[in-house]
Amino acid sequence: MNPYGHACRSFCHPRKIWLSIVAASVSFWTVSCYAAVVVRWYGHNFVYLISASGLRVAFDPFGQEVVHYPFPAKLQADVVLISNESDSCSAAEKLYGSPQVFRSVTAIGINNARGLLFRGVETYRDDHRGAFLGRNVCFVLDLDGIRFIHLGDLGHPLEPSQKEALGRADVLFLPVGNPRLSMETLDQIVDDLQPRIVVPIGYKTEASGSLNLRDLESYLDKRANVKRIGGSEFSLTPDSLPSKTTIYVLSRPSLP
């Protein structure tokens, strides 16, 4: 396989139950499937989405005792999704706005958070079914016609049932610095989920502290369709999704 020069196949939901629930739901937050979603990266695994109507979803806010990126002051969120309870991914208490918080295993299954439907898929932080590092939850949700998948601190290849539950992504937040995921495994995950956009997260920088991570360039080496974004955020509509899998490299947030 030539990572990632293949054209993506059409988007589909993995299970009829997921499709029927999404079709039947009426969300206060959904105004147009063609309005722009803002995608913002604050460092490590911390991703922040803003829907066209203003719904704010935060994934894996980091604790600054472990990760040394600047934490945004008084950042407001409506929904916070925590993939695992490590200090590098679980600082929900640092967010403002009285968000609805789903912490790791409590988020497994289909959930409704302030009108937003999302699925939490049980995985593990190691390749021994969590025996050493515990469980991890991958999240899949749709905002304004775009399907986002955040893999958290996934530490193993996806099992068939996990692939089916996640389905295909439009935007995949991929922890490329995780040393428990080989380059071959990272490529297989991308092939499994067929994203239109891959956003690398969770890699080594000067702000990573003592976390055991590989650097970004080790992942990017010899990969096709790399687009370097001149900043730590971008806006996206369904019409602006690339036709081929493209790696969007966001700029690192500035240190104080």
Foldseek 3Di string as FASTA:
>chain_A
DAFFFDFFDDADALDPVVVVVVVPADAPQADALFAKKKWFDQAFQWIWIAFNSGAIEIWFQAACVQFPGDDDQQAEHAEYEFFAPDRGGDPPVRHDDPHHYQHHPSQAAWDARRRWIKHWHKAELAPPRPPDPHITTWMWGDGSNFIEIERHNHQDADDPVRLSNRAAHQEYEQAQFRPSQDLVSSSVNCVSRRYLEYEYHRADDPRRHPDRTHHDVVNVPSHPAEDEDPARMDMDHPVPRDRIYHYYYHDHRDGD
